[in-house]
Protein backbone atom coordinates (compact mmCIF):
# COMPACT_ATOMS: atom_id res chain seq x y z
CA MET A 1 -66.45 -136.65 39.08
CA ILE A 2 -63.44 -137.53 40.90
CA ASN A 3 -64.19 -138.23 44.63
CA LYS A 4 -62.21 -137.05 47.58
CA LYS A 5 -60.60 -140.41 47.75
CA ASP A 6 -59.33 -140.54 44.37
CA VAL A 7 -57.62 -136.77 44.68
CA LEU A 8 -55.87 -138.13 47.39
CA HIS A 9 -54.53 -140.55 45.70
CA ILE A 10 -53.07 -138.38 43.14
CA ILE A 11 -51.42 -136.30 45.69
CA THR A 12 -50.09 -139.78 46.25
CA ILE A 13 -48.51 -140.52 42.98
CA LEU A 14 -47.29 -137.15 42.57
CA ILE A 15 -45.13 -136.72 45.72
CA THR A 16 -43.84 -140.15 45.64
CA SER A 17 -42.80 -139.36 41.88
CA LEU A 18 -41.45 -136.42 42.81
CA PHE A 19 -39.48 -138.07 45.65
CA ALA A 20 -38.21 -140.51 42.98
CA VAL A 21 -37.35 -137.74 40.61
CA ILE A 22 -35.21 -136.12 43.15
CA THR A 23 -33.81 -139.29 44.44
CA THR A 24 -32.24 -139.92 41.17
CA LEU A 25 -31.27 -136.78 40.25
CA THR A 26 -29.59 -135.94 43.51
CA THR A 27 -27.76 -139.81 44.32
CA SER A 28 -24.90 -141.34 41.96
CA ASN A 29 -25.75 -144.76 43.31
CA PRO A 30 -28.02 -147.03 41.15
CA VAL A 31 -29.37 -149.00 43.61
CA PHE A 32 -30.74 -146.06 45.26
CA HIS A 33 -32.63 -144.65 41.80
CA VAL A 34 -34.05 -148.73 40.99
CA ILE A 35 -35.26 -148.30 44.61
CA ALA A 36 -36.74 -145.09 43.93
CA LEU A 37 -38.73 -146.31 40.88
CA TRP A 38 -40.25 -149.30 42.93
CA ILE A 39 -41.10 -147.27 45.90
CA LEU A 40 -43.68 -145.66 43.11
CA VAL A 41 -44.48 -149.13 41.63
CA LEU A 42 -45.23 -150.53 45.38
CA VAL A 43 -47.81 -146.92 45.92
CA ALA A 44 -49.50 -147.70 43.16
CA ILE A 45 -49.74 -151.10 43.69
CA PHE A 46 -50.93 -150.12 46.77
CA ILE A 47 -53.59 -147.86 45.81
CA SER A 48 -55.20 -150.58 43.42
CA LYS A 49 -55.71 -153.18 46.41
CA PHE A 50 -53.98 -155.68 44.59
CA ASP A 51 -56.48 -156.01 42.28
CA LEU A 52 -54.14 -157.62 39.24
CA LEU A 53 -56.74 -156.31 36.65
CA HIS A 54 -56.16 -152.88 37.33
CA PRO A 55 -53.54 -150.87 35.32
CA TYR A 56 -51.76 -149.34 38.42
CA PHE A 57 -51.12 -153.46 39.46
CA TRP A 58 -50.01 -154.77 36.17
CA PHE A 59 -48.63 -152.18 34.02
CA SER A 60 -46.60 -150.69 37.32
CA SER A 61 -44.82 -153.99 37.53
CA PHE A 62 -44.04 -155.01 34.36
CA PHE A 63 -42.70 -151.41 33.40
CA ALA A 64 -40.37 -151.48 36.17
CA LEU A 65 -39.40 -154.80 35.43
CA TYR A 66 -38.44 -154.20 31.95
CA SER A 67 -36.85 -150.60 33.23
CA SER A 68 -35.04 -151.96 36.00
CA ALA A 69 -33.52 -155.14 35.55
CA TYR A 70 -30.65 -154.11 33.26
CA THR A 71 -29.70 -151.60 36.34
CA ILE A 72 -30.53 -154.43 38.77
CA ILE A 73 -28.31 -157.07 36.89
CA LEU A 74 -25.42 -154.43 37.00
CA VAL A 75 -25.36 -153.71 40.24
CA GLN A 76 -24.70 -157.68 40.66
CA GLY A 77 -21.51 -157.68 38.89
CA PHE A 78 -23.11 -158.03 35.13
CA GLN A 79 -20.01 -157.11 32.99
CA THR A 80 -21.22 -154.62 29.97
CA ASN A 81 -19.56 -151.83 28.02
CA THR A 82 -22.96 -150.46 27.50
CA GLY A 83 -22.37 -148.69 31.45
CA TYR A 84 -25.06 -146.92 33.21
CA SER A 85 -26.64 -143.30 33.54
CA TYR A 86 -29.08 -142.04 35.81
CA GLU A 87 -31.35 -140.60 32.93
CA ASN A 88 -32.44 -144.36 32.20
CA THR A 89 -34.13 -144.26 35.50
CA LEU A 90 -35.36 -140.75 35.69
CA LEU A 91 -36.94 -141.19 32.03
CA SER A 92 -38.67 -144.27 33.37
CA ILE A 93 -40.02 -142.39 36.19
CA ILE A 94 -41.30 -140.14 33.95
CA ALA A 95 -43.23 -142.29 32.18
CA LEU A 96 -44.44 -144.26 34.37
CA THR A 97 -46.43 -141.32 36.35
CA THR A 98 -47.43 -139.97 33.12
CA VAL A 99 -49.16 -143.73 32.61
CA LEU A 100 -50.75 -143.60 36.07
CA LEU A 101 -51.63 -139.61 36.42
CA THR A 102 -53.45 -140.14 32.91
CA ILE A 103 -55.67 -143.46 33.62
CA GLY A 104 -56.08 -142.71 37.39
CA PRO A 105 -56.76 -144.63 40.44
CA LYS A 106 -60.37 -145.07 39.79
CA LYS A 107 -61.51 -148.90 40.22
CA ASN A 108 -64.19 -150.77 37.97
CA GLU A 109 -67.31 -151.39 40.18
CA SER A 110 -67.67 -155.22 39.14
CA LYS A 111 -64.35 -156.81 37.73
CA GLU A 112 -66.43 -160.19 37.13
CA ILE A 113 -68.76 -160.43 34.02
CA ASP A 114 -71.52 -162.83 34.56
CA SER A 115 -72.10 -163.92 30.99
CA GLU A 116 -75.68 -164.75 31.63
CA LYS A 117 -76.46 -161.04 32.22
CA SER A 118 -74.46 -159.16 29.30
CA SER A 119 -74.62 -160.05 25.89
CA CYS A 120 -76.16 -163.73 26.16
CA PRO A 121 -78.68 -163.90 28.42
CA LYS A 122 -80.16 -166.91 28.13
CA THR A 123 -78.12 -170.03 28.73
CA SER A 124 -79.05 -171.78 25.62
CA ASN A 125 -76.76 -168.69 23.91
CA LEU A 126 -74.29 -169.55 26.60
CA ASN A 127 -74.39 -172.67 25.57
CA VAL A 128 -73.88 -172.04 22.01
CA ASP A 129 -70.84 -170.04 22.89
CA ARG A 130 -68.81 -172.43 25.05
CA ARG A 131 -69.57 -174.69 22.34
CA LEU A 132 -68.73 -173.08 19.18
CA LEU A 133 -65.16 -172.33 21.20
CA ARG A 134 -64.52 -175.35 21.84
CA ASN A 135 -65.02 -175.77 17.87
CA VAL A 136 -62.84 -172.91 17.32
CA LEU A 137 -60.03 -173.82 19.94
CA PHE A 138 -60.14 -177.56 18.63
CA ILE A 139 -59.16 -176.49 15.03
CA LEU A 140 -56.61 -173.78 15.86
CA PHE A 141 -55.05 -176.79 18.10
CA VAL A 142 -54.98 -178.74 15.14
CA ILE A 143 -53.35 -176.08 12.37
CA LEU A 144 -50.99 -175.43 15.39
CA VAL A 145 -50.05 -179.22 15.68
CA ILE A 146 -49.23 -179.35 12.05
CA SER A 147 -47.44 -176.04 11.90
CA VAL A 148 -45.56 -176.83 14.51
CA THR A 149 -44.35 -180.46 13.27
CA ILE A 150 -43.11 -178.94 10.40
CA VAL A 151 -41.49 -176.08 11.55
CA SER A 152 -39.75 -178.70 13.66
CA ARG A 153 -37.95 -180.94 10.65
CA LEU A 154 -36.74 -177.47 9.12
CA GLY A 155 -33.75 -177.65 10.73
CA ILE A 156 -32.99 -174.23 11.82
CA GLN A 157 -30.81 -173.60 14.43
CA SER A 158 -31.67 -170.45 16.08
CA LYS A 159 -34.38 -167.91 16.25
CA SER A 160 -33.23 -165.07 13.82
CA GLU A 161 -33.06 -168.02 11.18
CA PHE A 162 -36.98 -168.47 11.26
CA ILE A 163 -37.82 -164.65 10.89
CA SER A 164 -35.27 -163.60 8.47
CA ASN A 165 -36.46 -166.32 6.24
CA SER A 166 -40.57 -165.68 6.82
CA TYR A 167 -41.18 -169.29 6.46
CA PHE A 168 -44.86 -169.87 5.80
CA SER A 169 -45.36 -172.25 8.31
CA PHE A 170 -43.88 -170.13 11.29
CA ARG A 171 -46.13 -167.19 10.42
CA VAL A 172 -49.11 -169.52 10.44
CA ALA A 173 -48.17 -170.69 13.98
CA THR A 174 -47.01 -167.68 15.28
CA TYR A 175 -50.49 -166.40 14.07
CA THR A 176 -52.16 -169.32 15.30
CA VAL A 177 -50.59 -169.10 18.63
CA ARG A 178 -52.05 -165.20 19.24
CA TYR A 179 -55.53 -166.71 18.25
CA ILE A 180 -55.50 -169.34 20.14
CA THR A 181 -54.38 -167.08 23.31
CA LEU A 182 -57.57 -164.62 22.37
CA PHE A 183 -59.79 -167.50 22.26
CA CYS A 184 -58.83 -169.19 24.97
CA CYS A 185 -59.12 -166.38 27.34
CA LEU A 186 -63.24 -165.82 25.52
CA TYR A 187 -63.62 -169.51 26.61
CA LEU A 188 -62.46 -169.03 30.25
CA VAL A 189 -64.66 -165.77 30.84
CA ILE A 190 -67.90 -167.10 29.04
CA CYS A 191 -67.54 -170.06 31.48
CA GLY A 192 -67.06 -167.73 34.66
CA LYS A 193 -66.38 -169.78 37.63
CA ARG A 194 -69.68 -172.15 37.37
CA PHE A 195 -68.77 -174.31 34.56
CA LYS A 196 -65.99 -176.62 33.76
CA TYR A 197 -63.25 -176.20 31.04
CA GLY A 198 -62.47 -179.47 29.84
CA PRO A 199 -59.93 -180.68 28.55
CA ILE A 200 -59.31 -177.97 25.55
CA ILE A 201 -57.32 -175.49 27.60
CA LEU A 202 -54.64 -177.73 28.75
CA LEU A 203 -54.76 -178.86 24.82
CA CYS A 204 -54.01 -175.70 24.12
CA GLY A 205 -51.61 -175.00 26.43
CA ILE A 206 -49.15 -177.73 25.44
CA ALA A 207 -49.52 -177.15 21.80
CA VAL A 208 -48.19 -173.42 22.47
CA LEU A 209 -45.40 -174.91 24.68
CA PHE A 210 -44.24 -176.86 22.09
CA PHE A 211 -44.41 -174.18 19.98
CA SER A 212 -42.16 -171.65 22.18
CA LEU A 213 -39.53 -174.87 22.55
CA PHE A 214 -39.44 -175.97 18.53
CA THR A 215 -38.86 -171.79 17.89
CA ALA A 216 -37.07 -170.90 21.06
CA GLU A 217 -40.27 -167.72 20.50
CA ARG A 218 -40.71 -167.67 24.55
CA ASP A 219 -43.00 -164.50 24.19
CA GLY A 220 -45.75 -166.95 22.73
CA ILE A 221 -46.02 -169.21 25.71
CA PHE A 222 -45.24 -166.06 28.24
CA ARG A 223 -48.30 -164.26 26.66
CA PHE A 224 -50.72 -167.48 27.09
CA LEU A 225 -50.06 -168.07 30.40
CA LEU A 226 -50.80 -164.34 31.55
CA VAL A 227 -53.81 -164.14 29.63
CA VAL A 228 -54.77 -167.65 31.08
CA VAL A 229 -53.98 -166.24 35.07
CA CYS A 230 -55.84 -163.03 34.50
CA ALA A 231 -58.95 -164.34 32.91
CA MET A 232 -58.95 -166.83 35.70
CA PHE A 233 -58.29 -163.92 38.10
CA ALA A 234 -61.35 -162.25 36.38
CA THR A 235 -63.50 -164.77 36.92
CA GLN A 236 -62.24 -165.57 40.69
CA ARG A 237 -61.17 -168.59 40.01
CA ILE A 238 -57.50 -166.94 41.06
CA LYS A 239 -57.86 -164.87 44.74
CA ARG A 240 -55.59 -162.26 45.65
CA LYS A 241 -54.26 -164.55 48.14
CA THR A 242 -53.10 -167.22 45.92
CA LEU A 243 -51.47 -164.46 43.34
CA PRO A 244 -47.67 -164.44 45.40
CA ILE A 245 -47.43 -168.05 44.82
CA VAL A 246 -48.51 -167.90 41.03
CA ILE A 247 -45.60 -165.29 40.51
CA GLY A 248 -43.20 -167.37 42.13
CA ILE A 249 -44.14 -170.10 39.86
CA SER A 250 -44.11 -168.08 36.94
CA MET A 251 -40.75 -166.68 37.87
CA VAL A 252 -39.66 -170.32 37.73
CA ALA A 253 -40.61 -170.99 34.87
CA VAL A 254 -39.29 -168.14 32.67
CA VAL A 255 -35.94 -169.29 34.01
CA MET A 256 -36.28 -173.00 32.93
CA LEU A 257 -37.43 -171.54 29.38
CA SER A 258 -34.72 -169.66 29.17
CA TYR A 259 -32.22 -172.21 29.92
CA LEU A 260 -33.75 -174.50 27.39
CA LYS A 261 -34.50 -171.84 24.75
CA TYR A 262 -32.35 -173.25 21.99
CA PHE A 263 -32.34 -176.78 23.44
CA PHE A 264 -35.28 -178.50 21.14
CA VAL A 265 -33.48 -175.61 18.23
CA ASN A 266 -30.25 -177.03 18.35
CA GLY A 267 -29.50 -179.23 21.22
CA SER A 268 -27.78 -176.42 23.23
CA VAL A 269 -29.03 -175.03 26.63
CA ARG A 270 -27.98 -171.80 27.81
CA VAL A 271 -24.37 -172.79 30.10
CA GLY A 272 -24.15 -169.48 31.64
CA TYR A 273 -27.56 -170.09 33.52
CA ASN A 274 -25.75 -172.01 35.83
CA ASP A 275 -22.96 -169.40 37.35
CA HIS A 276 -25.90 -167.03 38.54
CA GLY A 277 -28.84 -166.96 41.00
CA ILE A 278 -32.39 -167.63 39.99
CA ILE A 279 -32.84 -163.55 40.55
CA TYR A 280 -30.36 -163.13 38.22
CA ASN A 281 -31.18 -165.70 35.18
CA PHE A 282 -34.84 -164.13 35.66
CA LEU A 283 -33.95 -160.35 34.95
CA ASN A 284 -31.56 -161.33 32.31
CA SER A 285 -34.03 -164.02 30.36
CA ASP A 286 -36.12 -161.40 28.67
CA PHE A 287 -36.43 -157.55 30.67
CA ALA A 288 -33.09 -156.54 31.02
CA ALA A 289 -32.41 -155.93 27.09
CA ALA A 290 -35.08 -153.27 27.24
CA GLY A 291 -33.09 -151.36 29.44
CA GLU A 292 -29.26 -152.16 28.06
CA ASN A 293 -30.99 -150.79 24.47
CA MET A 294 -32.20 -147.48 26.25
CA GLN A 295 -28.67 -146.79 27.54
CA VAL A 296 -27.44 -147.55 24.35
CA LEU A 297 -29.79 -144.15 22.81
CA LEU A 298 -28.51 -142.49 26.11
CA ASN A 299 -24.65 -142.97 24.99
CA ASN A 300 -25.32 -141.61 21.76
CA PRO A 301 -26.96 -138.17 22.33
CA TRP A 302 -27.76 -137.80 18.32
CA THR A 303 -30.75 -139.57 19.11
CA LYS A 304 -32.72 -137.64 20.99
CA SER A 305 -35.05 -136.38 18.83
CA PHE A 306 -34.12 -137.91 15.57
CA ASN A 307 -37.37 -138.54 14.43
CA ASN A 308 -40.66 -136.66 15.23
CA TYR A 309 -44.13 -136.99 16.38
CA PHE A 310 -45.67 -138.40 13.36
CA LEU A 311 -43.99 -141.01 14.30
CA ILE A 312 -46.94 -141.80 16.99
CA LEU A 313 -49.34 -141.33 13.97
CA THR A 314 -48.07 -143.53 11.72
CA ASP A 315 -47.72 -146.34 14.35
CA LEU A 316 -51.55 -145.48 15.39
CA LEU A 317 -52.19 -146.33 11.74
CA SER A 318 -49.56 -148.87 11.22
CA PRO A 319 -52.43 -151.55 11.34
CA PHE A 320 -54.14 -150.30 8.04
CA THR A 321 -51.24 -149.80 6.03
CA ILE A 322 -51.05 -152.72 4.32
CA GLY A 323 -48.89 -153.39 1.36
CA PHE A 324 -47.37 -149.44 2.73
CA SER A 325 -43.79 -149.64 4.07
CA THR A 326 -43.21 -147.30 7.02
CA PHE A 327 -40.86 -146.51 9.17
CA ASN A 328 -39.96 -148.96 11.54
CA ILE A 329 -37.82 -147.54 14.37
CA GLY A 330 -37.49 -151.25 15.91
CA VAL A 331 -35.50 -152.57 12.53
CA TRP A 332 -34.03 -148.84 12.61
CA PHE A 333 -32.40 -149.46 16.36
CA ASN A 334 -30.83 -152.71 15.07
CA ASP A 335 -29.80 -151.79 11.80
CA THR A 336 -27.83 -148.61 13.30
CA PHE A 337 -26.32 -150.52 16.51
CA TYR A 338 -26.04 -154.25 16.08
CA TYR A 339 -26.13 -154.62 12.03
CA GLY A 340 -25.65 -158.00 11.00
CA LYS A 341 -26.25 -159.54 14.37
CA SER A 342 -29.53 -161.26 16.02
CA SER A 343 -32.14 -158.85 16.91
CA ARG A 344 -31.67 -156.84 20.62
CA ALA A 345 -35.77 -155.53 20.02
CA PHE A 346 -36.23 -152.30 21.06
CA THR A 347 -37.86 -150.40 24.05
CA LEU A 348 -41.45 -148.52 24.00
CA LEU A 349 -39.40 -146.05 26.32
CA GLY A 350 -36.26 -145.61 23.60
CA GLU A 351 -39.24 -144.50 21.52
CA GLY A 352 -40.55 -141.56 23.07
CA TYR A 353 -36.96 -140.60 23.57
CA VAL A 354 -35.98 -140.82 19.85
CA ILE A 355 -39.42 -138.89 18.87
CA GLY A 356 -38.55 -135.88 21.09
CA GLY A 357 -36.16 -136.30 24.18
CA TYR A 358 -37.99 -136.34 27.47
CA LEU A 359 -41.25 -134.39 25.90
CA GLY A 360 -41.51 -137.33 23.38
CA VAL A 361 -41.38 -139.98 26.70
CA ILE A 362 -44.61 -137.75 27.99
CA VAL A 363 -46.61 -137.59 24.72
CA LEU A 364 -45.78 -141.54 23.65
CA PHE A 365 -46.91 -142.56 27.33
CA PHE A 366 -49.67 -140.32 27.71
CA VAL A 367 -51.39 -142.06 24.12
CA VAL A 368 -50.22 -145.54 26.11
CA GLY A 369 -52.18 -144.18 28.86
CA ILE A 370 -55.14 -143.20 27.05
CA LEU A 371 -55.11 -146.62 25.20
CA VAL A 372 -54.75 -149.03 28.45
CA GLY A 373 -57.30 -146.56 30.48
CA THR A 374 -60.28 -146.76 27.80
CA MET A 375 -59.84 -150.51 27.32
CA TYR A 376 -60.07 -150.85 31.31
CA LYS A 377 -62.72 -148.80 31.42
CA LYS A 378 -65.07 -150.56 28.67
CA SER A 379 -63.75 -153.85 30.30
CA ILE A 380 -66.63 -154.45 32.41
CA LYS A 381 -69.33 -154.27 29.91
CA ASN A 382 -69.57 -157.50 28.28
CA GLU A 383 -66.93 -160.61 27.92
CA TYR A 384 -65.98 -159.51 24.34
CA TRP A 385 -64.21 -156.18 25.87
CA LEU A 386 -63.18 -157.99 29.06
CA THR A 387 -61.53 -160.58 26.50
CA ALA A 388 -59.66 -157.70 24.66
CA TYR A 389 -58.83 -155.90 27.95
CA ILE A 390 -57.25 -159.05 29.18
CA PHE A 391 -54.93 -159.76 25.76
CA THR A 392 -54.33 -155.48 25.81
CA ILE A 393 -52.50 -156.55 29.27
CA ALA A 394 -50.36 -159.14 27.55
CA THR A 395 -49.90 -157.34 24.34
CA VAL A 396 -48.69 -153.96 26.29
CA ALA A 397 -46.73 -155.51 28.77
CA SER A 398 -44.40 -157.24 25.81
CA SER A 399 -44.43 -154.47 24.06
CA PHE A 400 -41.97 -152.54 26.32
CA ARG A 401 -39.05 -154.24 24.54
CA GLY A 402 -41.05 -153.16 21.61
CA THR A 403 -42.76 -150.47 20.15
CA LEU A 404 -46.23 -148.64 19.54
CA SER A 405 -47.14 -150.19 16.51
CA SER A 406 -46.54 -153.69 18.28
CA ILE A 407 -49.21 -152.45 20.09
CA THR A 408 -51.92 -151.64 17.34
CA VAL A 409 -50.88 -153.73 15.11
CA THR A 410 -51.65 -156.81 17.43
CA LEU A 411 -54.64 -155.82 18.58
CA VAL A 412 -56.31 -154.68 15.54
CA LYS A 413 -55.04 -157.74 13.42
CA ILE A 414 -55.68 -160.26 16.19
CA ALA A 415 -58.11 -158.73 19.16
CA VAL A 416 -60.17 -156.87 16.57
CA VAL A 417 -60.11 -159.10 13.89
CA GLY A 418 -60.52 -162.41 16.10
CA LEU A 419 -64.04 -161.19 18.43
CA VAL A 420 -65.66 -159.32 15.17
CA GLY A 421 -64.87 -162.34 13.23
CA TYR A 422 -66.19 -164.75 16.10
CA ILE A 423 -69.57 -162.54 16.86
CA PHE A 424 -70.54 -162.07 13.22
CA TYR A 425 -70.13 -165.81 12.65
CA LYS A 426 -71.73 -166.36 16.06
CA THR A 427 -74.74 -164.21 14.76
CA LEU A 428 -75.33 -165.86 11.62
CA LEU A 429 -75.15 -169.31 13.47
CA LEU A 430 -77.72 -168.29 15.92
CA ARG A 431 -79.96 -166.37 13.28
CA ARG A 432 -79.86 -169.86 10.99
CA GLN A 433 -81.08 -171.71 14.12
CA ARG A 434 -83.97 -169.57 14.85
CA THR A 435 -85.45 -169.60 11.19
CA GLN A 436 -85.00 -173.35 11.25
CA GLN A 437 -86.63 -173.19 14.63
CA ALA A 438 -89.41 -171.38 12.91
CA PHE A 439 -89.54 -173.29 10.09
CA ASP A 440 -89.77 -176.53 12.42
CA VAL A 441 -92.40 -175.03 14.10
CA VAL A 442 -94.48 -173.79 10.94
CA ARG A 443 -94.07 -177.45 9.37
CA TYR A 444 -95.13 -179.30 12.50
CA GLY A 445 -98.15 -177.03 12.93
CA ILE A 446 -99.36 -178.15 9.44
CA LYS A 447 -99.16 -181.33 10.15
CA VAL A 448 -101.21 -181.28 13.72
CA SER A 449 -103.52 -179.22 11.84
CA LYS A 450 -104.06 -181.54 8.89
CA GLY A 451 -104.14 -184.57 11.63
CA ILE A 452 -107.20 -182.71 12.91
CA GLU A 453 -109.08 -181.91 9.64
CA ASN A 454 -108.55 -185.80 9.28
CA LYS A 455 -109.94 -186.63 12.55
CA SER A 456 -113.03 -184.10 12.15
CA TYR A 457 -113.87 -185.61 8.61
CA THR A 458 -113.54 -189.26 9.63
CA LYS A 459 -116.28 -188.70 12.54
CA LYS A 460 -118.29 -187.10 9.83
CA ALA A 461 -118.53 -189.70 7.62
């Protein structure tokens, strides 16, 4: 049932969205377009009451950041041949509104999972979880350190060389980073706010940082930090009042990592960062590409509805099409507009546009909204669902410069496989322990029984 407060919030979203659309259509100044988009974001954040885990907070913030970064740096004087048109922001407003209405403003009643009352009712089982996860993380830590060491000795000069040559050590390191991120999240959630973490989280974080530094793959450390922050917020180790500090530190970290992107790969730094302020460098570090890619599509009207809605089904099934080559719209974009150059990633918004124009954007983001909304509602069931949802936050946020398949593939191959595998192994381990305990009880009982019989026989004698 939808209560009156939720209805009022939905009406507020609709009115704000209508205002943003009208502003974008009736003005030619991109500054007003950006303001209109961010007003919609701020309204969504206020409705969520600054709850970091509510999609209204994180989805709106990250989506608007990726959608408006390019426009903002253009306003600041960034020179580009791509240009800007109002449709870039208009499509972003439509996509964001679709997701907000699909998910709805209703909040989960409980945001903190009590591990002792969920799927692990006994403290002994909780200790098994913590001990088992520490062992898993230590093994992954060792694998990552070895892989990064091998990668650092390859003599690669750019990130594209790692990807194009498909080095085995690089692939192992990439997947290991994803699984470390997942299991660190589960470990933080299991520990809650009552148990100490120990050094394992710090060790894993350092290993992931070195992976990003020696491969120029910043996405690894970004996802790790985002997941850790969300997990600590979910277990109330980070409060709402400290979020501005965390966000500020994160912005500085993004700029620093972007400045040193290739320093540990080929010894160079991005000197151009010295000529601009921190806001410009922050936006141009990782976020501006999505908006620029969208503008490239708009500058080429033939890309509108170039593909069809079957692509959505293909992306949803892509994790299960092992051994079959499927159409990758991100590869198509780079081969079409940047052939022979380094990858410019893509844009989730652009995928909807290529599928079916404005309607394609609505349909695609309706699907994304269903996925995110479902994971959010399930996140209060137990620590495994909460972990999967937090991992979804980082996955979806990264996909704004990717495709729908980048969401589904990562969630299935990492979150589903990792959590199901862990639960299966833990179940076998607990069953083995119970069997051993039962055997010990029986064996001990037999010994006691024989001892009593012997004493009885001695007395009779």
